[in-house]
Amino acid sequence: MLAGLSQAAEGALTIRVFDYINVPQGLEKASGAARELFARADIGTEWRICRANSREGACEEITPKQILVKIVQRPWPNYHKRGAYGAVIRDGDVNVAAYIFYERLAEDAEVLHLSPEVLLANVMAHEVGHMMGLEHTSDGLMSRQFGRMELRRAAQGALSFSAVDERRLQAALYVKKTQP
């Protein structure tokens, strides 16, 4: 089996979402919207949700061939990136897991009159983009920080990966497919 790929969907990235806080609503909808963001870039994804505290859903053993996203309440105490909705944890040059800080995301969604599911979908896609090797850009889905323009585009379903990032994602997926 190829790194980052699911046995169930050959050629698709498997993203394991561990919900440690029991997201109040819309995690399935957000995962579906994130799947659509990747589909626009011609990347198939399979989003498998584990409600970690109750062990409901796709809570089977994690394999190295899956991308791991953890939804937690808030950033760890010594995390100082102001306004960040998530972060990727690295071990040397290896991206280990992406974290989503739900409390911060939900608060901003409420203030901005934006659906938390919409913001969550875009943040999950952004962090998975990092897990696939994408860096921050000046605008679009991989923006360093989602400003008003990005949030407005997200609400309209128009925020997406840039053409350059789409090619980088496709190349990263190709590399994963061809690794022994």
N, C-alpha and C. Protein backbone atom coordinates (compact mmCIF):
# COMPACT_ATOMS: atom_id res chain seq x y z
N MET A 1 0.85 -1.18 0.00
CA MET A 1 0.00 0.00 0.00
C MET A 1 0.89 1.24 0.00
N LEU A 2 0.46 2.29 -0.60
CA LEU A 2 1.24 3.50 -0.78
C LEU A 2 1.04 4.47 0.36
N ALA A 3 2.10 5.18 0.69
CA ALA A 3 2.02 6.14 1.81
C ALA A 3 0.93 7.16 1.56
N GLY A 4 0.12 7.42 2.58
CA GLY A 4 -0.92 8.42 2.50
C GLY A 4 -2.19 7.95 1.81
N LEU A 5 -2.24 6.68 1.39
CA LEU A 5 -3.40 6.20 0.66
C LEU A 5 -4.19 5.20 1.46
N SER A 6 -5.46 5.13 1.17
CA SER A 6 -6.36 4.20 1.84
C SER A 6 -6.51 2.94 1.02
N GLN A 7 -6.66 1.81 1.66
CA GLN A 7 -6.95 0.58 0.95
C GLN A 7 -8.34 0.66 0.33
N ALA A 8 -9.26 1.37 0.98
CA ALA A 8 -10.64 1.45 0.50
C ALA A 8 -10.75 2.31 -0.75
N ALA A 9 -9.91 3.29 -0.90
CA ALA A 9 -10.01 4.19 -2.04
C ALA A 9 -8.63 4.38 -2.63
N GLU A 10 -8.17 3.41 -3.42
CA GLU A 10 -6.84 3.46 -4.02
C GLU A 10 -6.69 4.78 -4.78
N GLY A 11 -5.59 5.46 -4.54
CA GLY A 11 -5.37 6.72 -5.20
C GLY A 11 -5.89 7.91 -4.41
N ALA A 12 -6.67 7.67 -3.37
CA ALA A 12 -7.22 8.77 -2.55
C ALA A 12 -6.42 8.87 -1.26
N LEU A 13 -6.28 10.08 -0.79
CA LEU A 13 -5.67 10.29 0.52
C LEU A 13 -6.69 9.92 1.59
N THR A 14 -6.24 9.23 2.61
CA THR A 14 -7.10 8.97 3.75
C THR A 14 -6.72 9.94 4.85
N ILE A 15 -7.70 10.71 5.27
CA ILE A 15 -7.50 11.66 6.36
C ILE A 15 -8.28 11.15 7.55
N ARG A 16 -7.59 10.88 8.64
CA ARG A 16 -8.23 10.43 9.88
C ARG A 16 -8.42 11.63 10.77
N VAL A 17 -9.66 11.95 11.06
CA VAL A 17 -9.99 13.10 11.90
C VAL A 17 -10.36 12.57 13.28
N PHE A 18 -9.57 12.94 14.28
CA PHE A 18 -9.85 12.55 15.66
C PHE A 18 -10.46 13.73 16.38
N ASP A 19 -11.73 13.60 16.70
CA ASP A 19 -12.51 14.65 17.36
C ASP A 19 -12.41 14.42 18.87
N TYR A 20 -11.52 15.16 19.51
CA TYR A 20 -11.30 15.01 20.95
C TYR A 20 -12.26 15.84 21.79
N ILE A 21 -13.06 16.69 21.16
CA ILE A 21 -13.93 17.59 21.93
C ILE A 21 -15.41 17.37 21.65
N ASN A 22 -15.73 16.38 20.81
CA ASN A 22 -17.12 16.17 20.40
C ASN A 22 -17.68 17.45 19.78
N VAL A 23 -17.14 17.80 18.63
CA VAL A 23 -17.57 18.99 17.90
C VAL A 23 -19.10 19.03 17.94
N PRO A 24 -19.66 20.16 18.38
CA PRO A 24 -21.10 20.22 18.63
C PRO A 24 -21.97 19.87 17.43
N GLN A 25 -21.56 20.28 16.25
CA GLN A 25 -22.39 19.97 15.08
C GLN A 25 -21.57 20.14 13.81
N GLY A 26 -21.96 19.40 12.81
CA GLY A 26 -21.45 19.65 11.48
C GLY A 26 -20.09 19.10 11.10
N LEU A 27 -19.49 18.21 11.90
CA LEU A 27 -18.18 17.69 11.53
C LEU A 27 -18.26 16.88 10.24
N GLU A 28 -19.30 16.10 10.07
CA GLU A 28 -19.46 15.32 8.85
C GLU A 28 -19.64 16.25 7.65
N LYS A 29 -20.44 17.31 7.84
CA LYS A 29 -20.65 18.29 6.77
C LYS A 29 -19.34 18.99 6.44
N ALA A 30 -18.58 19.37 7.45
CA ALA A 30 -17.29 20.03 7.23
C ALA A 30 -16.32 19.11 6.50
N SER A 31 -16.31 17.83 6.87
CA SER A 31 -15.43 16.87 6.19
C SER A 31 -15.82 16.73 4.73
N GLY A 32 -17.12 16.72 4.46
CA GLY A 32 -17.59 16.64 3.08
C GLY A 32 -17.19 17.87 2.28
N ALA A 33 -17.28 19.04 2.89
CA ALA A 33 -16.88 20.28 2.21
C ALA A 33 -15.37 20.29 1.97
N ALA A 34 -14.59 19.79 2.93
CA ALA A 34 -13.14 19.70 2.74
C ALA A 34 -12.82 18.73 1.61
N ARG A 35 -13.56 17.62 1.53
CA ARG A 35 -13.39 16.66 0.44
C ARG A 35 -13.59 17.38 -0.91
N GLU A 36 -14.61 18.25 -0.97
CA GLU A 36 -14.88 19.01 -2.20
C GLU A 36 -13.74 19.97 -2.54
N LEU A 37 -13.14 20.59 -1.54
CA LEU A 37 -12.02 21.49 -1.79
C LEU A 37 -10.87 20.74 -2.45
N PHE A 38 -10.61 19.52 -2.00
CA PHE A 38 -9.55 18.71 -2.61
C PHE A 38 -9.98 18.19 -3.98
N ALA A 39 -11.25 17.87 -4.14
CA ALA A 39 -11.75 17.37 -5.43
C ALA A 39 -11.55 18.42 -6.52
N ARG A 40 -11.73 19.70 -6.17
CA ARG A 40 -11.50 20.78 -7.14
C ARG A 40 -10.06 20.79 -7.62
N ALA A 41 -9.15 20.25 -6.80
CA ALA A 41 -7.74 20.17 -7.17
C ALA A 41 -7.40 18.79 -7.76
N ASP A 42 -8.44 18.03 -8.12
CA ASP A 42 -8.28 16.67 -8.66
C ASP A 42 -7.56 15.73 -7.70
N ILE A 43 -7.83 15.91 -6.41
CA ILE A 43 -7.28 15.04 -5.38
C ILE A 43 -8.45 14.36 -4.67
N GLY A 44 -8.50 13.05 -4.76
CA GLY A 44 -9.53 12.31 -4.04
C GLY A 44 -9.13 12.13 -2.60
N THR A 45 -10.07 12.33 -1.70
CA THR A 45 -9.80 12.15 -0.28
C THR A 45 -10.91 11.33 0.35
N GLU A 46 -10.54 10.61 1.36
CA GLU A 46 -11.49 9.88 2.19
C GLU A 46 -11.30 10.39 3.61
N TRP A 47 -12.36 10.97 4.18
CA TRP A 47 -12.30 11.55 5.52
C TRP A 47 -12.97 10.59 6.48
N ARG A 48 -12.21 10.06 7.43
CA ARG A 48 -12.73 9.09 8.40
C ARG A 48 -12.69 9.72 9.78
N ILE A 49 -13.85 9.82 10.41
CA ILE A 49 -13.98 10.52 11.68
C ILE A 49 -14.03 9.54 12.84
N CYS A 50 -13.23 9.82 13.85
CA CYS A 50 -13.26 9.08 15.11
C CYS A 50 -13.63 10.06 16.21
N ARG A 51 -14.71 9.80 16.89
CA ARG A 51 -15.07 10.58 18.07
C ARG A 51 -14.24 9.99 19.21
N ALA A 52 -13.07 10.53 19.41
CA ALA A 52 -12.04 9.92 20.24
C ALA A 52 -12.50 9.64 21.67
N ASN A 53 -13.27 10.54 22.27
CA ASN A 53 -13.68 10.34 23.67
C ASN A 53 -14.68 9.21 23.83
N SER A 54 -15.48 8.96 22.80
CA SER A 54 -16.49 7.90 22.91
C SER A 54 -16.09 6.66 22.12
N ARG A 55 -15.02 6.76 21.33
CA ARG A 55 -14.54 5.66 20.48
C ARG A 55 -15.58 5.27 19.42
N GLU A 56 -16.39 6.25 19.00
CA GLU A 56 -17.37 6.01 17.94
C GLU A 56 -16.78 6.42 16.60
N GLY A 57 -17.13 5.68 15.57
CA GLY A 57 -16.68 6.01 14.23
C GLY A 57 -15.43 5.25 13.85
N ALA A 58 -14.61 5.85 13.02
CA ALA A 58 -13.41 5.22 12.47
C ALA A 58 -12.26 5.34 13.46
N CYS A 59 -12.32 4.56 14.53
CA CYS A 59 -11.32 4.67 15.60
C CYS A 59 -10.32 3.53 15.60
N GLU A 60 -10.25 2.81 14.49
CA GLU A 60 -9.28 1.73 14.42
C GLU A 60 -7.86 2.27 14.45
N GLU A 61 -6.91 1.38 14.55
CA GLU A 61 -5.51 1.77 14.66
C GLU A 61 -5.09 2.68 13.50
N ILE A 62 -4.31 3.67 13.83
CA ILE A 62 -3.79 4.60 12.83
C ILE A 62 -2.63 3.91 12.12
N THR A 63 -2.55 4.11 10.83
CA THR A 63 -1.42 3.57 10.08
C THR A 63 -0.57 4.73 9.59
N PRO A 64 0.69 4.48 9.29
CA PRO A 64 1.55 5.55 8.78
C PRO A 64 1.10 6.05 7.41
N LYS A 65 0.19 5.36 6.78
CA LYS A 65 -0.27 5.72 5.45
C LYS A 65 -1.44 6.68 5.47
N GLN A 66 -1.75 7.22 6.62
CA GLN A 66 -2.89 8.11 6.76
C GLN A 66 -2.43 9.47 7.28
N ILE A 67 -3.16 10.49 6.90
CA ILE A 67 -2.90 11.83 7.42
C ILE A 67 -3.76 12.01 8.65
N LEU A 68 -3.16 12.48 9.70
CA LEU A 68 -3.83 12.59 10.99
C LEU A 68 -4.16 14.04 11.31
N VAL A 69 -5.45 14.30 11.58
CA VAL A 69 -5.94 15.62 12.00
C VAL A 69 -6.61 15.45 13.35
N LYS A 70 -6.19 16.23 14.32
CA LYS A 70 -6.77 16.16 15.67
C LYS A 70 -7.49 17.47 15.97
N ILE A 71 -8.76 17.37 16.34
CA ILE A 71 -9.52 18.56 16.73
C ILE A 71 -9.49 18.63 18.25
N VAL A 72 -8.92 19.71 18.75
CA VAL A 72 -8.79 19.92 20.19
C VAL A 72 -9.47 21.25 20.55
N GLN A 73 -9.70 21.45 21.83
CA GLN A 73 -10.42 22.65 22.28
C GLN A 73 -9.63 23.93 21.99
N ARG A 74 -8.37 23.94 22.40
CA ARG A 74 -7.57 25.16 22.27
C ARG A 74 -6.10 24.78 22.13
N PRO A 75 -5.27 25.74 21.71
CA PRO A 75 -3.84 25.47 21.58
C PRO A 75 -3.21 25.14 22.93
N TRP A 76 -2.09 24.45 22.88
CA TRP A 76 -1.36 24.15 24.10
C TRP A 76 -0.84 25.45 24.70
N PRO A 77 -0.58 25.48 26.00
CA PRO A 77 -0.26 26.74 26.70
C PRO A 77 0.90 27.54 26.12
N ASN A 78 1.92 26.92 25.61
CA ASN A 78 3.08 27.68 25.13
C ASN A 78 3.01 27.99 23.64
N TYR A 79 1.85 27.79 23.02
CA TYR A 79 1.68 28.09 21.59
C TYR A 79 1.27 29.55 21.44
N HIS A 80 2.10 30.33 20.79
CA HIS A 80 1.90 31.78 20.79
C HIS A 80 1.50 32.37 19.44
N LYS A 81 1.16 31.57 18.47
CA LYS A 81 0.77 32.15 17.18
C LYS A 81 -0.62 32.74 17.31
N ARG A 82 -0.68 34.02 17.36
CA ARG A 82 -1.91 34.76 17.56
C ARG A 82 -2.90 34.51 16.42
N GLY A 83 -4.11 34.12 16.78
CA GLY A 83 -5.17 33.95 15.80
C GLY A 83 -5.13 32.68 14.99
N ALA A 84 -4.15 31.82 15.20
CA ALA A 84 -4.05 30.60 14.41
C ALA A 84 -5.19 29.64 14.76
N TYR A 85 -5.77 29.05 13.74
CA TYR A 85 -6.82 28.06 13.93
C TYR A 85 -6.27 26.64 13.99
N GLY A 86 -5.00 26.48 13.66
CA GLY A 86 -4.42 25.14 13.67
C GLY A 86 -2.92 25.20 13.57
N ALA A 87 -2.32 24.02 13.63
CA ALA A 87 -0.86 23.90 13.53
C ALA A 87 -0.51 22.48 13.12
N VAL A 88 0.65 22.34 12.50
CA VAL A 88 1.17 21.03 12.14
C VAL A 88 2.36 20.75 13.04
N ILE A 89 2.36 19.57 13.62
CA ILE A 89 3.47 19.12 14.46
C ILE A 89 4.45 18.34 13.58
N ARG A 90 5.72 18.70 13.71
CA ARG A 90 6.76 18.05 12.91
C ARG A 90 7.75 17.32 13.81
N ASP A 91 8.31 16.26 13.28
CA ASP A 91 9.41 15.56 13.91
C ASP A 91 10.53 15.60 12.89
N GLY A 92 11.44 16.54 13.06
CA GLY A 92 12.46 16.76 12.04
C GLY A 92 11.81 17.27 10.77
N ASP A 93 11.99 16.54 9.68
CA ASP A 93 11.40 16.92 8.39
C ASP A 93 10.06 16.24 8.13
N VAL A 94 9.56 15.51 9.09
CA VAL A 94 8.33 14.73 8.89
C VAL A 94 7.15 15.43 9.57
N ASN A 95 6.10 15.67 8.80
CA ASN A 95 4.86 16.18 9.37
C ASN A 95 4.14 15.02 10.05
N VAL A 96 3.88 15.14 11.34
CA VAL A 96 3.31 14.05 12.12
C VAL A 96 1.79 14.15 12.21
N ALA A 97 1.29 15.31 12.59
CA ALA A 97 -0.15 15.48 12.76
C ALA A 97 -0.51 16.95 12.67
N ALA A 98 -1.74 17.18 12.23
CA ALA A 98 -2.28 18.54 12.21
C ALA A 98 -3.25 18.68 13.37
N TYR A 99 -3.24 19.82 14.00
CA TYR A 99 -4.17 20.12 15.09
C TYR A 99 -5.07 21.27 14.67
N ILE A 100 -6.34 21.18 15.02
CA ILE A 100 -7.31 22.24 14.80
C ILE A 100 -7.75 22.74 16.18
N PHE A 101 -7.71 24.06 16.38
CA PHE A 101 -8.09 24.65 17.66
C PHE A 101 -9.54 25.13 17.55
N TYR A 102 -10.47 24.28 17.96
CA TYR A 102 -11.88 24.51 17.67
C TYR A 102 -12.47 25.72 18.39
N GLU A 103 -12.11 25.93 19.63
CA GLU A 103 -12.69 27.04 20.39
C GLU A 103 -12.44 28.38 19.68
N ARG A 104 -11.21 28.60 19.27
CA ARG A 104 -10.83 29.83 18.58
C ARG A 104 -11.60 29.96 17.26
N LEU A 105 -11.68 28.87 16.52
CA LEU A 105 -12.38 28.84 15.25
C LEU A 105 -13.87 29.15 15.42
N ALA A 106 -14.51 28.50 16.39
CA ALA A 106 -15.94 28.70 16.62
C ALA A 106 -16.24 30.12 17.09
N GLU A 107 -15.39 30.68 17.94
CA GLU A 107 -15.59 32.06 18.41
C GLU A 107 -15.51 33.04 17.25
N ASP A 108 -14.52 32.88 16.38
CA ASP A 108 -14.38 33.78 15.24
C ASP A 108 -15.53 33.59 14.26
N ALA A 109 -15.96 32.37 14.05
CA ALA A 109 -17.09 32.12 13.15
C ALA A 109 -18.33 32.85 13.64
N GLU A 110 -18.56 32.82 14.94
CA GLU A 110 -19.74 33.50 15.51
C GLU A 110 -19.63 35.02 15.32
N VAL A 111 -18.48 35.58 15.63
CA VAL A 111 -18.29 37.02 15.51
C VAL A 111 -18.46 37.47 14.05
N LEU A 112 -18.00 36.64 13.13
CA LEU A 112 -18.03 36.99 11.71
C LEU A 112 -19.31 36.55 11.01
N HIS A 113 -20.23 35.99 11.79
CA HIS A 113 -21.50 35.49 11.23
C HIS A 113 -21.24 34.48 10.11
N LEU A 114 -20.33 33.57 10.37
CA LEU A 114 -19.93 32.54 9.43
C LEU A 114 -20.24 31.19 10.05
N SER A 115 -20.69 30.27 9.27
CA SER A 115 -20.96 28.92 9.77
C SER A 115 -19.67 28.28 10.28
N PRO A 116 -19.69 27.73 11.50
CA PRO A 116 -18.48 27.05 11.99
C PRO A 116 -18.07 25.89 11.09
N GLU A 117 -19.05 25.22 10.47
CA GLU A 117 -18.74 24.10 9.58
C GLU A 117 -17.93 24.57 8.37
N VAL A 118 -18.30 25.74 7.84
CA VAL A 118 -17.58 26.28 6.68
C VAL A 118 -16.15 26.60 7.06
N LEU A 119 -15.96 27.28 8.17
CA LEU A 119 -14.61 27.63 8.60
C LEU A 119 -13.82 26.37 8.93
N LEU A 120 -14.44 25.41 9.61
CA LEU A 120 -13.76 24.15 9.95
C LEU A 120 -13.31 23.42 8.69
N ALA A 121 -14.17 23.35 7.67
CA ALA A 121 -13.81 22.67 6.42
C ALA A 121 -12.57 23.30 5.80
N ASN A 122 -12.54 24.61 5.75
CA ASN A 122 -11.41 25.31 5.14
C ASN A 122 -10.15 25.18 5.97
N VAL A 123 -10.27 25.22 7.27
CA VAL A 123 -9.10 25.06 8.14
C VAL A 123 -8.55 23.63 8.04
N MET A 124 -9.44 22.64 8.02
CA MET A 124 -8.97 21.26 7.86
C MET A 124 -8.23 21.09 6.54
N ALA A 125 -8.78 21.63 5.45
CA ALA A 125 -8.12 21.51 4.14
C ALA A 125 -6.77 22.23 4.17
N HIS A 126 -6.72 23.39 4.80
CA HIS A 126 -5.47 24.15 4.92
C HIS A 126 -4.41 23.32 5.65
N GLU A 127 -4.78 22.75 6.79
CA GLU A 127 -3.80 21.97 7.57
C GLU A 127 -3.39 20.69 6.85
N VAL A 128 -4.31 20.04 6.16
CA VAL A 128 -3.94 18.85 5.37
C VAL A 128 -3.02 19.28 4.23
N GLY A 129 -3.25 20.47 3.67
CA GLY A 129 -2.32 21.00 2.66
C GLY A 129 -0.91 21.08 3.22
N HIS A 130 -0.77 21.56 4.45
CA HIS A 130 0.55 21.58 5.09
C HIS A 130 1.09 20.17 5.25
N MET A 131 0.24 19.25 5.65
CA MET A 131 0.69 17.86 5.83
C MET A 131 1.21 17.27 4.50
N MET A 132 0.69 17.78 3.39
CA MET A 132 1.13 17.33 2.06
C MET A 132 2.32 18.14 1.54
N GLY A 133 2.81 19.08 2.35
CA GLY A 133 4.02 19.81 1.98
C GLY A 133 3.80 21.22 1.48
N LEU A 134 2.56 21.72 1.48
CA LEU A 134 2.32 23.08 1.02
C LEU A 134 2.74 24.08 2.10
N GLU A 135 3.21 25.23 1.63
CA GLU A 135 3.59 26.33 2.51
C GLU A 135 2.51 27.41 2.44
N HIS A 136 2.64 28.41 3.29
CA HIS A 136 1.70 29.53 3.25
C HIS A 136 1.87 30.34 1.97
N THR A 137 0.77 30.96 1.54
CA THR A 137 0.77 31.83 0.37
C THR A 137 0.20 33.19 0.78
N SER A 138 0.19 34.11 -0.16
CA SER A 138 -0.32 35.45 0.16
C SER A 138 -1.84 35.52 0.15
N ASP A 139 -2.50 34.57 -0.53
CA ASP A 139 -3.96 34.56 -0.53
C ASP A 139 -4.45 33.14 -0.81
N GLY A 140 -5.77 32.96 -0.75
CA GLY A 140 -6.35 31.66 -1.03
C GLY A 140 -6.35 30.75 0.19
N LEU A 141 -6.60 29.49 -0.05
CA LEU A 141 -6.75 28.51 1.02
C LEU A 141 -5.50 28.33 1.87
N MET A 142 -4.35 28.58 1.30
CA MET A 142 -3.11 28.41 2.05
C MET A 142 -2.58 29.73 2.61
N SER A 143 -3.45 30.74 2.73
CA SER A 143 -3.05 32.02 3.35
C SER A 143 -2.53 31.78 4.76
N ARG A 144 -1.55 32.56 5.13
CA ARG A 144 -0.99 32.46 6.48
C ARG A 144 -2.09 32.68 7.53
N GLN A 145 -2.95 33.63 7.27
CA GLN A 145 -4.06 33.90 8.18
C GLN A 145 -5.27 34.23 7.32
N PHE A 146 -6.42 33.67 7.67
CA PHE A 146 -7.63 33.96 6.91
C PHE A 146 -8.13 35.35 7.27
N GLY A 147 -7.98 36.27 6.34
CA GLY A 147 -8.49 37.62 6.52
C GLY A 147 -9.94 37.70 6.05
N ARG A 148 -10.46 38.92 6.04
CA ARG A 148 -11.86 39.11 5.63
C ARG A 148 -12.14 38.56 4.22
N MET A 149 -11.21 38.79 3.30
CA MET A 149 -11.42 38.33 1.93
C MET A 149 -11.51 36.81 1.87
N GLU A 150 -10.58 36.13 2.54
CA GLU A 150 -10.60 34.67 2.53
C GLU A 150 -11.87 34.14 3.21
N LEU A 151 -12.26 34.77 4.31
CA LEU A 151 -13.46 34.33 5.02
C LEU A 151 -14.72 34.55 4.18
N ARG A 152 -14.77 35.66 3.48
CA ARG A 152 -15.91 35.93 2.60
C ARG A 152 -15.96 34.89 1.48
N ARG A 153 -14.81 34.61 0.89
CA ARG A 153 -14.75 33.60 -0.18
C ARG A 153 -15.10 32.22 0.36
N ALA A 154 -14.68 31.91 1.59
CA ALA A 154 -15.03 30.62 2.21
C ALA A 154 -16.54 30.50 2.37
N ALA A 155 -17.17 31.57 2.84
CA ALA A 155 -18.62 31.57 3.05
C ALA A 155 -19.36 31.37 1.73
N GLN A 156 -18.79 31.84 0.64
CA GLN A 156 -19.40 31.70 -0.68
C GLN A 156 -19.03 30.39 -1.36
N GLY A 157 -18.18 29.59 -0.69
CA GLY A 157 -17.71 28.34 -1.30
C GLY A 157 -16.70 28.57 -2.40
N ALA A 158 -16.05 29.73 -2.38
CA ALA A 158 -15.13 30.10 -3.46
C ALA A 158 -13.66 30.11 -3.03
N LEU A 159 -13.35 29.78 -1.79
CA LEU A 159 -11.95 29.73 -1.36
C LEU A 159 -11.39 28.40 -1.82
N SER A 160 -10.22 28.43 -2.43
CA SER A 160 -9.65 27.18 -2.96
C SER A 160 -8.14 27.25 -2.97
N PHE A 161 -7.54 26.11 -3.32
CA PHE A 161 -6.09 26.06 -3.51
C PHE A 161 -5.76 26.83 -4.79
N SER A 162 -4.62 27.49 -4.82
CA SER A 162 -4.17 28.17 -6.03
C SER A 162 -3.80 27.09 -7.07
N ALA A 163 -3.68 27.51 -8.32
CA ALA A 163 -3.28 26.57 -9.38
C ALA A 163 -1.91 25.97 -9.07
N VAL A 164 -1.01 26.78 -8.53
CA VAL A 164 0.33 26.28 -8.17
C VAL A 164 0.21 25.24 -7.06
N ASP A 165 -0.60 25.52 -6.05
CA ASP A 165 -0.76 24.56 -4.96
C ASP A 165 -1.46 23.29 -5.43
N GLU A 166 -2.39 23.40 -6.36
CA GLU A 166 -3.03 22.21 -6.93
C GLU A 166 -1.99 21.31 -7.57
N ARG A 167 -1.08 21.91 -8.36
CA ARG A 167 -0.02 21.11 -9.00
C ARG A 167 0.90 20.49 -7.95
N ARG A 168 1.21 21.25 -6.89
CA ARG A 168 2.08 20.70 -5.83
C ARG A 168 1.40 19.54 -5.11
N LEU A 169 0.09 19.68 -4.85
CA LEU A 169 -0.65 18.57 -4.22
C LEU A 169 -0.66 17.35 -5.11
N GLN A 170 -0.90 17.54 -6.39
CA GLN A 170 -0.92 16.42 -7.33
C GLN A 170 0.44 15.75 -7.41
N ALA A 171 1.50 16.56 -7.40
CA ALA A 171 2.86 16.00 -7.42
C ALA A 171 3.15 15.23 -6.15
N ALA A 172 2.74 15.78 -5.00
CA ALA A 172 2.95 15.08 -3.73
C ALA A 172 2.20 13.76 -3.70
N LEU A 173 0.98 13.76 -4.21
CA LEU A 173 0.20 12.52 -4.27
C LEU A 173 0.86 11.52 -5.21
N TYR A 174 1.36 11.99 -6.34
CA TYR A 174 2.05 11.11 -7.29
C TYR A 174 3.27 10.47 -6.62
N VAL A 175 4.05 11.27 -5.90
CA VAL A 175 5.22 10.74 -5.20
C VAL A 175 4.79 9.65 -4.23
N LYS A 176 3.72 9.90 -3.49
CA LYS A 176 3.23 8.91 -2.53
C LYS A 176 2.79 7.62 -3.25
N LYS A 177 2.17 7.78 -4.41
CA LYS A 177 1.70 6.62 -5.17
C LYS A 177 2.84 5.77 -5.68
N THR A 178 3.97 6.42 -5.99
CA THR A 178 5.08 5.68 -6.61
C THR A 178 6.11 5.18 -5.60
N GLN A 179 5.94 5.53 -4.34
CA GLN A 179 6.87 5.03 -3.32
C GLN A 179 6.58 3.55 -3.05
N PRO A 180 7.63 2.78 -2.84
CA PRO A 180 7.42 1.34 -2.55
C PRO A 180 6.71 1.11 -1.23
